[in-house]
Protein backbone atom coordinates (compact mmCIF):
# COMPACT_ATOMS: atom_id res chain seq x y z
CA UNK A 1 196.14 -177.71 101.00
CA UNK A 2 196.17 -174.35 99.29
CA UNK A 3 195.25 -174.08 95.51
CA UNK A 4 195.75 -171.38 92.82
CA UNK A 5 194.54 -171.08 89.38
CA UNK A 6 196.46 -168.90 87.19
CA UNK A 7 196.68 -167.85 83.49
CA UNK A 8 198.45 -165.52 81.11
CA UNK A 9 196.00 -163.36 79.30
CA UNK A 10 196.93 -161.80 75.96
CA UNK A 11 196.08 -158.38 77.44
CA UNK A 12 195.45 -156.73 80.73
CA UNK A 13 191.69 -155.99 79.93
CA UNK A 14 190.92 -159.68 79.15
CA UNK A 15 189.63 -162.07 82.07
CA UNK A 16 189.91 -165.84 82.22
CA UNK A 17 186.22 -167.49 82.31
CA UNK A 18 188.00 -171.23 82.65
CA UNK A 19 189.81 -170.32 85.90
CA UNK A 20 186.49 -168.94 87.31
CA UNK A 21 184.59 -171.66 86.52
CA UNK A 22 186.80 -174.05 88.09
CA UNK A 23 187.18 -171.76 91.23
CA UNK A 24 183.27 -171.81 91.76
CA UNK A 25 183.13 -175.77 90.85
CA UNK A 26 185.91 -176.45 93.72
CA UNK A 27 184.14 -174.27 96.28
CA UNK A 28 183.28 -174.54 99.04
CA UNK A 29 185.26 -177.85 99.67
CA UNK A 30 188.44 -175.60 98.01
CA UNK A 31 189.18 -171.98 98.40
CA UNK A 32 190.93 -171.54 95.21
CA UNK A 33 192.94 -168.33 94.62
CA UNK A 34 192.77 -166.54 91.24
CA UNK A 35 195.88 -164.97 89.75
CA UNK A 36 196.06 -163.47 86.20
CA UNK A 37 198.76 -162.11 84.33
CA UNK A 38 199.56 -161.13 80.71
CA UNK A 39 202.04 -162.60 78.38
CA UNK A 40 203.75 -159.30 78.43
CA UNK A 41 204.52 -159.36 82.12
CA UNK A 42 208.32 -160.34 82.93
CA UNK A 43 208.41 -164.01 83.59
CA UNK A 44 210.57 -163.52 86.63
CA UNK A 45 207.63 -161.20 88.12
CA UNK A 46 204.94 -163.74 87.49
CA UNK A 47 207.17 -166.59 89.47
CA UNK A 48 208.23 -164.47 92.26
CA UNK A 49 204.37 -163.19 92.88
CA UNK A 50 203.27 -167.15 92.67
CA UNK A 51 206.10 -168.46 94.70
CA UNK A 52 205.32 -165.56 97.53
CA UNK A 53 201.89 -167.36 97.64
CA UNK A 54 203.01 -170.60 99.03
CA UNK A 55 200.69 -172.72 97.11
CA UNK A 56 200.42 -176.74 96.92
CA UNK A 57 198.92 -176.93 93.77
CA UNK A 58 198.87 -174.31 90.87
CA UNK A 59 196.81 -174.91 88.02
CA UNK A 60 197.23 -172.69 84.30
CA UNK A 61 194.90 -172.43 81.91
CA UNK A 62 196.80 -173.03 78.47
CA UNK A 63 195.88 -171.70 74.99
CA UNK A 64 198.08 -171.20 71.84
CA UNK A 65 198.69 -167.20 72.63
CA UNK A 66 200.26 -168.12 76.06
CA UNK A 67 201.50 -171.90 76.21
CA UNK A 68 205.17 -170.35 75.38
CA UNK A 69 205.16 -168.28 78.28
CA UNK A 70 203.62 -170.47 80.71
CA UNK A 71 206.05 -173.09 80.31
CA UNK A 72 208.88 -170.70 81.06
CA UNK A 73 207.03 -169.87 84.39
CA UNK A 74 206.34 -173.33 85.14
CA UNK A 75 209.95 -174.45 84.63
CA UNK A 76 211.11 -171.56 86.70
CA UNK A 77 208.80 -172.59 89.58
CA UNK A 78 209.80 -176.18 89.56
CA UNK A 79 213.28 -175.38 89.80
CA UNK A 80 212.69 -173.19 92.84
CA UNK A 81 210.15 -175.66 94.64
CA UNK A 82 210.36 -179.14 93.79
CA UNK A 83 207.20 -180.21 95.86
CA UNK A 84 204.88 -177.51 94.21
CA UNK A 85 202.59 -179.45 91.77
CA UNK A 86 201.76 -178.36 88.42
CA UNK A 87 198.37 -178.85 86.73
CA UNK A 88 197.84 -177.77 83.04
CA UNK A 89 194.66 -177.61 81.24
CA UNK A 90 192.94 -175.98 78.47
CA UNK A 91 192.46 -176.39 74.76
CA UNK A 92 196.25 -176.43 74.16
CA UNK A 93 197.30 -179.36 76.07
CA UNK A 94 193.87 -180.92 75.90
CA UNK A 95 195.50 -182.77 72.90
CA UNK A 96 198.79 -184.52 72.34
CA UNK A 97 198.43 -184.89 75.77
CA UNK A 98 201.48 -187.54 76.00
CA UNK A 99 203.50 -185.43 74.11
CA UNK A 100 203.23 -182.61 76.38
CA UNK A 101 203.87 -184.78 79.54
CA UNK A 102 206.90 -186.60 77.97
CA UNK A 103 208.55 -183.46 76.60
CA UNK A 104 207.90 -181.07 79.75
CA UNK A 105 208.76 -183.37 83.10
CA UNK A 106 208.05 -180.25 85.07
CA UNK A 107 204.20 -180.80 84.19
CA UNK A 108 202.88 -182.87 86.90
CA UNK A 109 199.45 -183.15 85.82
CA UNK A 110 197.09 -182.43 82.53
CA UNK A 111 193.22 -181.92 82.80
CA UNK A 112 191.55 -182.62 79.39
CA UNK A 113 188.65 -181.29 78.10
CA UNK A 114 185.84 -180.02 80.28
CA UNK A 115 187.65 -179.36 83.71
CA UNK A 116 185.61 -178.42 86.44
CA UNK A 117 184.62 -182.13 87.81
CA UNK A 118 187.87 -183.46 86.93
CA UNK A 119 189.91 -180.89 88.16
CA UNK A 120 187.76 -180.98 91.72
CA UNK A 121 188.33 -184.70 91.98
CA UNK A 122 191.87 -184.34 91.16
CA UNK A 123 192.47 -182.08 94.07
CA UNK A 124 190.45 -184.33 95.94
CA UNK A 125 192.80 -187.40 95.25
CA UNK A 126 195.84 -185.33 95.72
CA UNK A 127 194.69 -184.61 99.35
CA UNK A 128 193.61 -187.92 100.30
CA UNK A 129 194.33 -191.54 98.96
CA UNK A 130 196.26 -190.28 95.67
CA UNK A 131 194.73 -192.85 93.53
CA UNK A 132 194.46 -190.96 90.41
CA UNK A 133 192.91 -194.05 88.54
CA UNK A 134 189.69 -192.68 90.05
CA UNK A 135 189.63 -189.43 88.21
CA UNK A 136 188.56 -189.22 84.62
CA UNK A 137 190.04 -187.16 82.20
CA UNK A 138 193.56 -186.82 83.67
CA UNK A 139 197.35 -187.50 82.56
CA UNK A 140 199.73 -188.35 85.33
CA UNK A 141 202.75 -190.16 86.07
CA UNK A 142 202.63 -193.48 88.27
CA UNK A 143 205.12 -194.43 90.79
CA UNK A 144 207.28 -195.64 88.12
CA UNK A 145 207.39 -192.77 86.13
CA UNK A 146 205.05 -194.19 83.61
CA UNK A 147 202.46 -191.68 81.95
CA UNK A 148 199.18 -192.67 82.50
CA UNK A 149 195.82 -191.15 80.66
CA UNK A 150 192.47 -192.02 82.25
CA UNK A 151 189.53 -192.06 79.86
CA UNK A 152 187.51 -188.68 79.76
CA UNK A 153 184.40 -188.49 81.57
CA UNK A 154 180.85 -187.86 80.14
CA UNK A 155 180.14 -184.26 79.11
CA UNK A 156 178.62 -182.19 82.25
CA UNK A 157 175.13 -180.97 82.62
CA UNK A 158 175.48 -177.42 82.19
CA UNK A 159 172.22 -176.53 84.15
CA UNK A 160 174.02 -177.99 87.54
CA UNK A 161 177.16 -176.01 87.31
CA UNK A 162 177.33 -172.75 89.64
CA UNK A 163 177.70 -169.11 88.54
CA UNK A 164 181.47 -168.44 87.70
CA UNK A 165 180.84 -164.47 88.54
CA UNK A 166 180.29 -164.31 91.92
CA UNK A 167 183.36 -163.60 93.34
CA UNK A 168 183.99 -160.04 95.10
CA UNK A 169 187.58 -159.73 94.38
CA UNK A 170 186.33 -159.29 90.69
CA UNK A 171 184.00 -156.16 91.17
CA UNK A 172 186.82 -153.69 91.32
CA UNK A 173 187.65 -154.82 88.04
CA UNK A 174 184.39 -155.39 86.06
CA UNK A 175 184.20 -151.61 84.57
CA UNK A 176 187.82 -151.61 83.27
CA UNK A 177 188.04 -155.35 81.71
CA UNK A 178 186.14 -157.42 79.39
CA UNK A 179 183.94 -159.80 80.76
CA UNK A 180 183.28 -163.33 79.00
CA UNK A 181 180.26 -165.30 79.59
CA UNK A 182 178.92 -168.76 77.75
CA UNK A 183 175.49 -169.53 77.53
CA UNK A 184 176.25 -173.02 75.79
CA UNK A 185 178.95 -175.53 74.90
CA UNK A 186 179.63 -176.96 71.73
CA UNK A 187 179.01 -175.90 68.03
CA UNK A 188 176.54 -177.86 65.62
CA UNK A 189 179.44 -177.45 62.55
CA UNK A 190 182.59 -179.12 61.63
CA UNK A 191 185.01 -176.79 60.38
CA UNK A 192 188.22 -178.56 60.14
CA UNK A 193 190.24 -175.70 61.20
CA UNK A 194 188.34 -175.04 64.60
CA UNK A 195 188.40 -177.22 67.76
CA UNK A 196 184.85 -176.54 68.23
CA UNK A 197 184.45 -179.15 65.50
CA UNK A 198 185.55 -181.84 67.56
CA UNK A 199 182.45 -181.75 70.06
CA UNK A 200 179.43 -183.08 68.59
CA UNK A 201 176.19 -181.07 69.61
CA UNK A 202 175.28 -177.93 71.67
CA UNK A 203 174.42 -177.99 75.30
CA UNK A 204 172.81 -174.79 77.00
CA UNK A 205 173.40 -173.58 80.65
CA UNK A 206 169.81 -172.43 82.81
CA UNK A 207 168.36 -169.71 81.09
CA UNK A 208 167.28 -167.70 84.22
CA UNK A 209 170.65 -168.06 85.91
CA UNK A 210 172.47 -166.69 82.99
CA UNK A 211 170.13 -163.58 83.00
CA UNK A 212 170.83 -163.14 86.71
CA UNK A 213 174.45 -163.16 85.82
CA UNK A 214 174.02 -160.77 83.57
CA UNK A 215 172.23 -158.45 85.82
CA UNK A 216 174.41 -158.92 88.63
CA UNK A 217 177.57 -158.17 86.33
CA UNK A 218 175.77 -154.97 85.15
CA UNK A 219 175.05 -153.81 88.82
CA UNK A 220 178.30 -154.24 89.62
CA UNK A 221 179.68 -152.14 86.84
CA UNK A 222 180.43 -154.45 83.58
CA UNK A 223 180.64 -152.44 80.61
CA UNK A 224 181.68 -154.76 77.89
CA UNK A 225 180.19 -158.59 78.04
CA UNK A 226 181.29 -161.02 75.38
CA UNK A 227 179.42 -164.20 74.56
CA UNK A 228 181.91 -166.96 73.78
CA UNK A 229 179.26 -169.26 72.31
CA UNK A 230 180.61 -170.53 69.31
CA UNK A 231 177.17 -169.89 67.14
CA UNK A 232 174.98 -167.86 69.51
CA UNK A 233 171.96 -167.78 67.12
CA UNK A 234 171.71 -171.58 66.35
CA UNK A 235 168.50 -171.52 67.94
CA UNK A 236 166.21 -168.74 66.96
CA UNK A 237 164.16 -168.74 69.74
CA UNK A 238 166.58 -168.71 72.30
CA UNK A 239 168.70 -165.82 70.39
CA UNK A 240 165.27 -163.53 70.16
CA UNK A 241 164.57 -164.24 74.09
CA UNK A 242 168.41 -163.33 74.96
CA UNK A 243 167.98 -160.21 72.67
CA UNK A 244 164.98 -159.24 74.05
CA UNK A 245 166.03 -159.71 77.64
CA UNK A 246 169.20 -157.54 76.95
CA UNK A 247 167.45 -154.70 75.26
CA UNK A 248 164.82 -154.46 78.00
CA UNK A 249 167.24 -154.60 80.96
CA UNK A 250 170.53 -153.15 79.77
CA UNK A 251 172.18 -150.38 81.70
CA UNK A 252 173.55 -147.18 79.72
CA UNK A 253 177.00 -147.78 78.11
CA UNK A 254 176.90 -151.58 78.11
CA UNK A 255 177.99 -153.47 75.12
CA UNK A 256 177.29 -157.04 74.59
CA UNK A 257 179.18 -159.04 71.63
CA UNK A 258 178.28 -162.11 69.99
CA UNK A 259 179.61 -164.61 67.44
CA UNK A 260 176.64 -165.15 65.15
CA UNK A 261 176.54 -167.40 62.04
CA UNK A 262 175.30 -165.05 59.46
CA UNK A 263 173.66 -166.87 57.09
CA UNK A 264 170.99 -168.59 59.18
CA UNK A 265 169.77 -165.46 60.66
CA UNK A 266 166.48 -164.76 59.57
CA UNK A 267 165.41 -161.48 57.96
CA UNK A 268 163.01 -161.01 60.73
CA UNK A 269 165.39 -161.17 63.47
CA UNK A 270 167.29 -158.46 62.07
CA UNK A 271 164.27 -156.18 61.64
CA UNK A 272 163.43 -156.57 65.16
CA UNK A 273 166.86 -155.38 66.19
CA UNK A 274 167.24 -152.71 63.80
CA UNK A 275 163.86 -151.50 65.20
CA UNK A 276 164.19 -152.41 68.81
CA UNK A 277 167.76 -152.30 69.57
CA UNK A 278 169.96 -149.14 70.67
CA UNK A 279 172.77 -148.28 68.69
CA UNK A 280 175.89 -149.38 69.92
CA UNK A 281 174.15 -152.08 72.48
CA UNK A 282 175.34 -155.14 70.41
CA UNK A 283 178.28 -155.87 68.44
CA UNK A 284 178.71 -158.91 65.95
CA UNK A 285 181.30 -161.18 65.28
CA UNK A 286 180.92 -163.30 62.11
CA UNK A 287 183.06 -165.97 60.67
CA UNK A 288 183.19 -165.65 56.84
CA UNK A 289 187.02 -167.21 56.16
CA UNK A 290 186.56 -167.80 52.57
CA UNK A 291 183.95 -167.50 49.60
CA UNK A 292 185.56 -170.18 47.63
CA UNK A 293 182.95 -173.10 47.41
CA UNK A 294 185.94 -175.65 47.01
CA UNK A 295 187.57 -174.64 49.97
CA UNK A 296 184.78 -174.48 52.16
CA UNK A 297 183.91 -178.13 50.90
CA UNK A 298 187.53 -179.41 51.97
CA UNK A 299 187.04 -178.21 55.28
CA UNK A 300 183.60 -179.25 55.81
CA UNK A 301 182.44 -175.94 56.23
CA UNK A 302 178.74 -175.07 55.06
CA UNK A 303 178.06 -171.58 53.98
CA UNK A 304 175.32 -169.79 51.87
CA UNK A 305 177.35 -166.55 50.87
CA UNK A 306 174.23 -165.00 49.39
CA UNK A 307 172.30 -165.33 52.73
CA UNK A 308 175.22 -164.06 54.60
CA UNK A 309 175.69 -161.12 52.72
CA UNK A 310 171.77 -160.59 52.90
CA UNK A 311 172.29 -160.40 57.03
CA UNK A 312 175.41 -158.19 57.04
CA UNK A 313 173.89 -155.68 54.58
CA UNK A 314 170.43 -155.74 56.92
CA UNK A 315 172.49 -155.36 59.94
CA UNK A 316 174.61 -152.30 58.30
CA UNK A 317 171.43 -150.38 56.97
CA UNK A 318 169.98 -150.57 60.21
CA UNK A 319 173.08 -148.53 61.69
CA UNK A 320 172.37 -150.31 65.22
CA UNK A 321 175.01 -152.86 65.29
CA UNK A 322 178.56 -152.92 64.31
CA UNK A 323 180.07 -155.66 62.69
CA UNK A 324 183.41 -157.62 62.73
CA UNK A 325 184.27 -159.98 59.74
CA UNK A 326 186.62 -162.75 59.73
CA UNK A 327 188.87 -163.99 57.02
CA UNK A 328 191.67 -166.66 57.19
CA UNK A 329 194.30 -167.12 54.63
CA UNK A 330 195.89 -170.18 53.72
CA UNK A 331 192.89 -172.52 53.82
CA UNK A 332 193.03 -175.75 51.59
CA UNK A 333 192.39 -175.14 47.95
CA UNK A 334 192.44 -171.31 48.30
CA UNK A 335 195.67 -169.62 46.44
CA UNK A 336 196.38 -165.92 46.21
CA UNK A 337 194.02 -165.35 43.44
CA UNK A 338 191.39 -167.11 44.87
CA UNK A 339 192.18 -164.98 48.50
CA UNK A 340 192.24 -161.78 46.63
CA UNK A 341 188.71 -162.65 45.26
CA UNK A 342 187.40 -163.67 48.95
CA UNK A 343 189.01 -160.29 50.45
CA UNK A 344 187.08 -158.33 47.88
CA UNK A 345 183.80 -160.33 48.12
CA UNK A 346 183.64 -159.50 51.70
CA UNK A 347 184.93 -155.99 51.67
CA UNK A 348 182.18 -155.14 49.20
CA UNK A 349 179.88 -155.34 52.17
CA UNK A 350 182.02 -152.42 54.13
CA UNK A 351 182.10 -154.16 57.47
CA UNK A 352 183.18 -151.93 60.64
CA UNK A 353 186.03 -154.07 60.77
CA UNK A 354 187.58 -156.75 58.35
CA UNK A 355 189.93 -159.24 60.63
CA UNK A 356 192.26 -160.79 58.30
CA UNK A 357 194.00 -163.91 60.07
CA UNK A 358 196.24 -166.79 58.87
CA UNK A 359 195.34 -170.53 59.14
CA UNK A 360 196.80 -172.22 62.33
CA UNK A 361 197.11 -175.76 62.74
CA UNK A 362 195.78 -175.99 65.87
CA UNK A 363 196.09 -179.40 67.95
CA UNK A 364 193.37 -182.11 67.14
CA UNK A 365 191.96 -180.29 64.47
CA UNK A 366 191.09 -181.86 60.95
CA UNK A 367 193.59 -179.84 58.82
CA UNK A 368 196.49 -180.65 61.48
CA UNK A 369 195.48 -184.26 61.34
CA UNK A 370 195.53 -184.12 57.43
CA UNK A 371 197.64 -181.85 56.88
CA UNK A 372 200.27 -183.77 54.39
CA UNK A 373 197.14 -184.26 51.78
CA UNK A 374 197.89 -180.43 51.21
CA UNK A 375 201.62 -180.33 51.92
CA UNK A 376 201.29 -177.92 54.78
CA UNK A 377 204.35 -176.63 56.53
CA UNK A 378 203.82 -174.99 59.78
CA UNK A 379 205.38 -173.60 62.84
CA UNK A 380 206.37 -176.26 65.17
CA UNK A 381 205.46 -173.57 68.16
CA UNK A 382 202.41 -171.99 68.94
CA UNK A 383 200.29 -170.50 67.50
CA UNK A 384 201.47 -173.08 64.69
CA UNK A 385 200.67 -170.72 61.82
CA UNK A 386 201.02 -172.02 58.14
CA UNK A 387 204.34 -170.94 56.33
CA UNK A 388 203.14 -172.56 53.11
CA UNK A 389 201.01 -175.28 51.43
CA UNK A 390 200.46 -176.84 48.06
CA UNK A 391 198.81 -173.62 46.74
CA UNK A 392 200.06 -170.83 48.69
CA UNK A 393 203.87 -170.29 48.87
CA UNK A 394 205.54 -168.36 51.61
CA UNK A 395 206.40 -165.63 49.49
CA UNK A 396 202.33 -165.04 48.88
CA UNK A 397 201.80 -165.43 52.53
CA UNK A 398 204.19 -162.35 53.16
CA UNK A 399 202.34 -160.56 50.46
CA UNK A 400 199.02 -161.13 52.18
CA UNK A 401 200.72 -160.08 55.67
CA UNK A 402 201.48 -156.60 54.11
CA UNK A 403 197.69 -156.39 53.35
CA UNK A 404 196.89 -157.35 56.98
CA UNK A 405 199.23 -154.53 58.25
CA UNK A 406 197.92 -151.58 56.56
CA UNK A 407 194.15 -153.15 56.37
CA UNK A 408 194.43 -152.73 60.34
CA UNK A 409 195.74 -149.37 60.30
CA UNK A 410 193.79 -147.68 57.60
CA UNK A 411 190.40 -149.52 57.88
CA UNK A 412 189.70 -151.26 60.96
CA UNK A 413 191.05 -148.13 62.94
CA UNK A 414 188.86 -145.89 61.19
CA UNK A 415 191.34 -142.86 60.46
CA UNK A 416 190.41 -141.96 57.08
CA UNK A 417 187.52 -143.55 55.94
CA UNK A 418 186.29 -141.10 53.37
CA UNK A 419 189.83 -141.44 51.63
CA UNK A 420 190.09 -144.92 51.60
CA UNK A 421 186.45 -145.33 50.32
CA UNK A 422 187.44 -142.83 47.56
CA UNK A 423 190.50 -145.04 46.66
CA UNK A 424 189.14 -148.44 46.70
CA UNK A 425 186.00 -147.03 44.65
CA UNK A 426 187.97 -144.48 42.20
CA UNK A 427 191.82 -144.92 42.00
CA UNK A 428 192.69 -148.62 42.14
CA UNK A 429 191.10 -151.66 40.36
CA UNK A 430 189.70 -153.38 43.82
CA UNK A 431 190.21 -153.03 47.33
CA UNK A 432 192.73 -155.82 47.57
CA UNK A 433 194.79 -153.83 45.16
CA UNK A 434 195.05 -151.09 47.40
CA UNK A 435 195.76 -152.60 50.50
CA UNK A 436 198.35 -155.07 48.77
CA UNK A 437 200.22 -152.07 46.85
CA UNK A 438 200.09 -149.66 49.71
CA UNK A 439 201.23 -152.67 52.19
CA UNK A 440 204.21 -153.76 49.81
CA UNK A 441 205.31 -150.03 49.70
CA UNK A 442 204.95 -149.62 53.33
CA UNK A 443 207.21 -152.56 54.18
CA UNK A 444 209.58 -151.64 51.63
CA UNK A 445 210.04 -148.42 53.47
CA UNK A 446 210.44 -150.32 56.72
CA UNK A 447 207.46 -148.73 58.35
CA UNK A 448 206.19 -151.87 59.85
CA UNK A 449 209.19 -152.11 62.12
CA UNK A 450 208.64 -148.72 63.79
CA UNK A 451 205.79 -146.79 65.72
CA UNK A 452 203.54 -144.20 64.17
CA UNK A 453 201.30 -140.86 65.21
CA UNK A 454 198.23 -140.13 63.46
CA UNK A 455 200.08 -137.60 61.41
CA UNK A 456 202.64 -140.36 60.02
CA UNK A 457 199.59 -142.48 58.91
CA UNK A 458 198.65 -139.32 56.39
CA UNK A 459 202.36 -138.66 55.27
CA UNK A 460 202.86 -142.39 54.47
CA UNK A 461 199.83 -142.63 52.49
CA UNK A 462 200.44 -139.14 50.61
CA UNK A 463 204.11 -140.80 50.06
CA UNK A 464 202.94 -143.84 48.44
CA UNK A 465 200.09 -142.13 46.25
CA UNK A 466 202.59 -139.29 45.24
CA UNK A 467 205.16 -142.05 43.88
CA UNK A 468 202.53 -143.78 42.07
CA UNK A 469 201.57 -140.59 40.36
CA UNK A 470 197.73 -141.01 41.10
CA UNK A 471 195.50 -138.78 39.32
CA UNK A 472 193.35 -136.04 40.82
CA UNK A 473 195.63 -135.96 43.91
CA UNK A 474 194.22 -132.72 44.55
CA UNK A 475 190.63 -134.38 45.44
CA UNK A 476 192.53 -136.95 47.63
CA UNK A 477 194.61 -134.41 49.42
CA UNK A 478 190.99 -132.59 50.14
CA UNK A 479 189.59 -135.90 51.41
CA UNK A 480 192.66 -136.36 53.60
CA UNK A 481 192.65 -133.09 55.01
CA UNK A 482 189.16 -133.67 56.05
CA UNK A 483 189.65 -136.89 57.41
CA UNK A 484 192.32 -135.48 59.57
CA UNK A 485 190.55 -132.74 60.81
CA UNK A 486 187.43 -134.47 61.83
CA UNK A 487 189.56 -136.87 64.09
CA UNK A 488 190.88 -133.73 66.34
CA UNK A 489 188.83 -132.55 69.51
CA UNK A 490 191.18 -129.38 69.51
CA UNK A 491 192.73 -127.40 66.88
CA UNK A 492 196.16 -129.37 65.62
CA UNK A 493 198.94 -127.31 65.87
CA UNK A 494 201.22 -128.55 62.73
CA UNK A 495 198.92 -130.53 60.42
CA UNK A 496 200.65 -132.92 58.26
CA UNK A 497 200.56 -130.61 55.19
CA UNK A 498 201.80 -127.47 54.30
CA UNK A 499 198.95 -124.53 54.47
CA UNK A 500 198.35 -123.50 51.05
CA UNK A 501 196.18 -120.50 51.72
CA UNK A 502 198.22 -117.21 51.83
CA UNK A 503 197.51 -114.97 55.37
CA UNK A 504 195.86 -112.36 53.12
CA UNK A 505 193.51 -114.81 51.58
CA UNK A 506 192.58 -116.33 54.93
CA UNK A 507 192.03 -112.97 56.40
CA UNK A 508 189.69 -111.98 53.49
CA UNK A 509 187.79 -115.14 53.96
CA UNK A 510 187.19 -114.76 57.78
CA UNK A 511 186.05 -111.23 57.23
CA UNK A 512 183.41 -112.36 54.76
CA UNK A 513 182.48 -115.25 57.10
CA UNK A 514 182.03 -113.19 60.09
CA UNK A 515 179.77 -110.28 57.78
CA UNK A 516 178.05 -113.30 56.12
CA UNK A 517 177.97 -116.50 58.12
CA UNK A 518 175.43 -117.82 55.77
CA UNK A 519 178.12 -118.20 53.10
CA UNK A 520 179.02 -121.23 54.91
CA UNK A 521 175.58 -122.43 55.51
CA UNK A 522 172.93 -122.41 58.40
CA UNK A 523 174.73 -124.63 60.76
CA UNK A 524 177.99 -122.40 60.59
CA UNK A 525 175.24 -119.58 61.22
CA UNK A 526 174.08 -120.68 64.07
CA UNK A 527 177.54 -120.78 65.70
CA UNK A 528 177.58 -116.88 66.09
CA UNK A 529 181.67 -116.91 65.47
CA UNK A 530 183.45 -113.54 65.28
CA UNK A 531 186.76 -113.13 63.61
CA UNK A 532 188.63 -113.48 66.78
CA UNK A 533 186.97 -116.93 67.10
CA UNK A 534 187.83 -117.83 63.54
CA UNK A 535 191.38 -117.14 63.91
CA UNK A 536 191.80 -118.81 67.43
CA UNK A 537 189.67 -122.06 67.07
CA UNK A 538 189.18 -122.75 63.12
CA UNK A 539 191.45 -124.40 60.26
CA UNK A 540 190.61 -123.26 56.72
CA UNK A 541 191.80 -124.70 53.63
CA UNK A 542 191.40 -124.53 50.08
CA UNK A 543 189.94 -127.43 47.90
CA UNK A 544 189.61 -127.86 44.10
CA UNK A 545 186.08 -129.62 44.50
CA UNK A 546 182.76 -129.23 46.18
CA UNK A 547 183.21 -131.49 49.23
CA UNK A 548 179.45 -131.12 50.53
CA UNK A 549 178.50 -132.63 47.16
CA UNK A 550 180.71 -135.44 47.30
CA UNK A 551 179.82 -136.19 50.67
CA UNK A 552 176.34 -136.40 49.78
CA UNK A 553 176.39 -137.93 46.54
CA UNK A 554 179.94 -139.44 45.82
CA UNK A 555 180.13 -137.54 42.74
CA UNK A 556 183.30 -135.09 42.16
CA UNK A 557 182.31 -131.57 41.04
CA UNK A 558 185.32 -129.52 39.96
CA UNK A 559 183.96 -126.33 41.58
CA UNK A 560 186.89 -124.83 44.07
CA UNK A 561 185.67 -124.17 47.47
CA UNK A 562 186.88 -124.22 51.35
CA UNK A 563 187.13 -126.53 54.15
CA UNK A 564 186.37 -124.76 57.27
CA UNK A 565 187.01 -126.90 60.73
CA UNK A 566 185.60 -125.14 63.90
CA UNK A 567 186.95 -126.68 67.22
CA UNK A 568 184.54 -125.99 69.75
CA UNK A 569 186.78 -125.31 73.09
CA UNK A 570 183.28 -125.48 75.18
CA UNK A 571 182.20 -128.91 73.89
CA UNK A 572 185.31 -130.24 72.56
CA UNK A 573 183.27 -130.96 69.54
CA UNK A 574 184.66 -130.73 65.93
CA UNK A 575 182.25 -129.13 63.25
CA UNK A 576 183.33 -129.15 59.82
CA UNK A 577 181.93 -127.15 57.18
CA UNK A 578 182.44 -126.51 52.96
CA UNK A 579 181.42 -123.80 50.99
CA UNK A 580 182.17 -122.77 47.50
CA UNK A 581 184.27 -119.73 45.98
CA UNK A 582 181.71 -116.78 45.09
């Protein structure tokens, strides 16, 4: 019997851990072949490739991001080969299973919940007696066409599961893709918007095996390893042991990502990381979701925002670990005004990334089961995103989506950090107001429907600020020029602005700098640039304020000066200097 486990990932760089767990557990009795695609691949290409494998059974790992495309694939596969047996598994089909079977007759079997043992037993029955009642946690049709759902099995002993990482065919791809690893299953919390709340308790894999897996992955070129544990730091002793191991044994260039619960992280753990962890080795993802106490109570989410803030602040001050914080718009009881406060509360911490998402009414979750209590209206198809509820009309959701659009481009992508920091601190009432006003303007101009280059982002922000008649535009333009120039490795051929210096003025300043380089400071003097270098490899712009003082103190001193960017052709490094008019 030839068996394939397949999935459609969101991006090429992603890998699917679930199908590797199934393959490992099914071995050696079954030599399962893995086939991964992306949701962007043409359906016909996927179907053609799978059909050519001439499999007897194909299993698909299903999630909200791939279910629609997966259904198209299996529909076509079944039309081509009616004898092919299709198995679906994963969180998207583990709930409302009977509905999936009724609606899509091309689905032969659904494996619910933890799939390793169930999938292997299903294969055994299909190959032998076909007595599927012996298989726990599976949905199928009996000989009369009636849908049968067997009781789910007890939880697996994770310490007995084989490693899903020892496949030679994965080795060539480890350096180019994200490797996902789990050291535990389950979550201690009961947040009603999350599928993890359904499973009670946390179970751990065998620690020494996890360490051996990580050593193996690093030795074979893995660069980005992401832990999928729902709360990596629920056990302080376990987290500390793993942090110590990763610090001691990591290879250069490796990055480890974790989902942590920030308000339970002890200060001594953060102090340890700030002292011991190499910069860039770790990355934290922290779900804040909402700072509204009433909202958190409605979704049974326990969160101490003061302690969360302490953790995020301490980690940020350590300058070792980048942090990605998550918000969810549309939670029960959180209207537009409350979400504005949530956004500002969290942005105040200046996380390296702030992800603004929208509530998805996932199958099986408490918020979906009790959707009528808050008048939720949501998409019938995946990702089941909300359209409105009793306190957040669709018009407000549209406004928040405008915030999301420019937040991603102008904060999370770090294209102009200095400028945005000035705008949210000195120009607009709050950070949310800046992103909202700019996002609405962006949408009105139709820019959300077209592509953009780096220069476009600067021109569009400039256009927005101009039409608002913002004060001190000269300062903002200077900061924008600074942000633009430090993003380049090479001298830009055509910046987004028109040069303000006359050629004669530029010649005069270059002559002065070549004769007296200390005018631009000690660091500039050490470069030993002549006039030819200055003309060929620098950009010079006039400023209306003291840039160096602002960068050091945050104060605006309206003393005119200059901005000089040197693009080193040998190292491809950019050196930026500012000096005052004499």
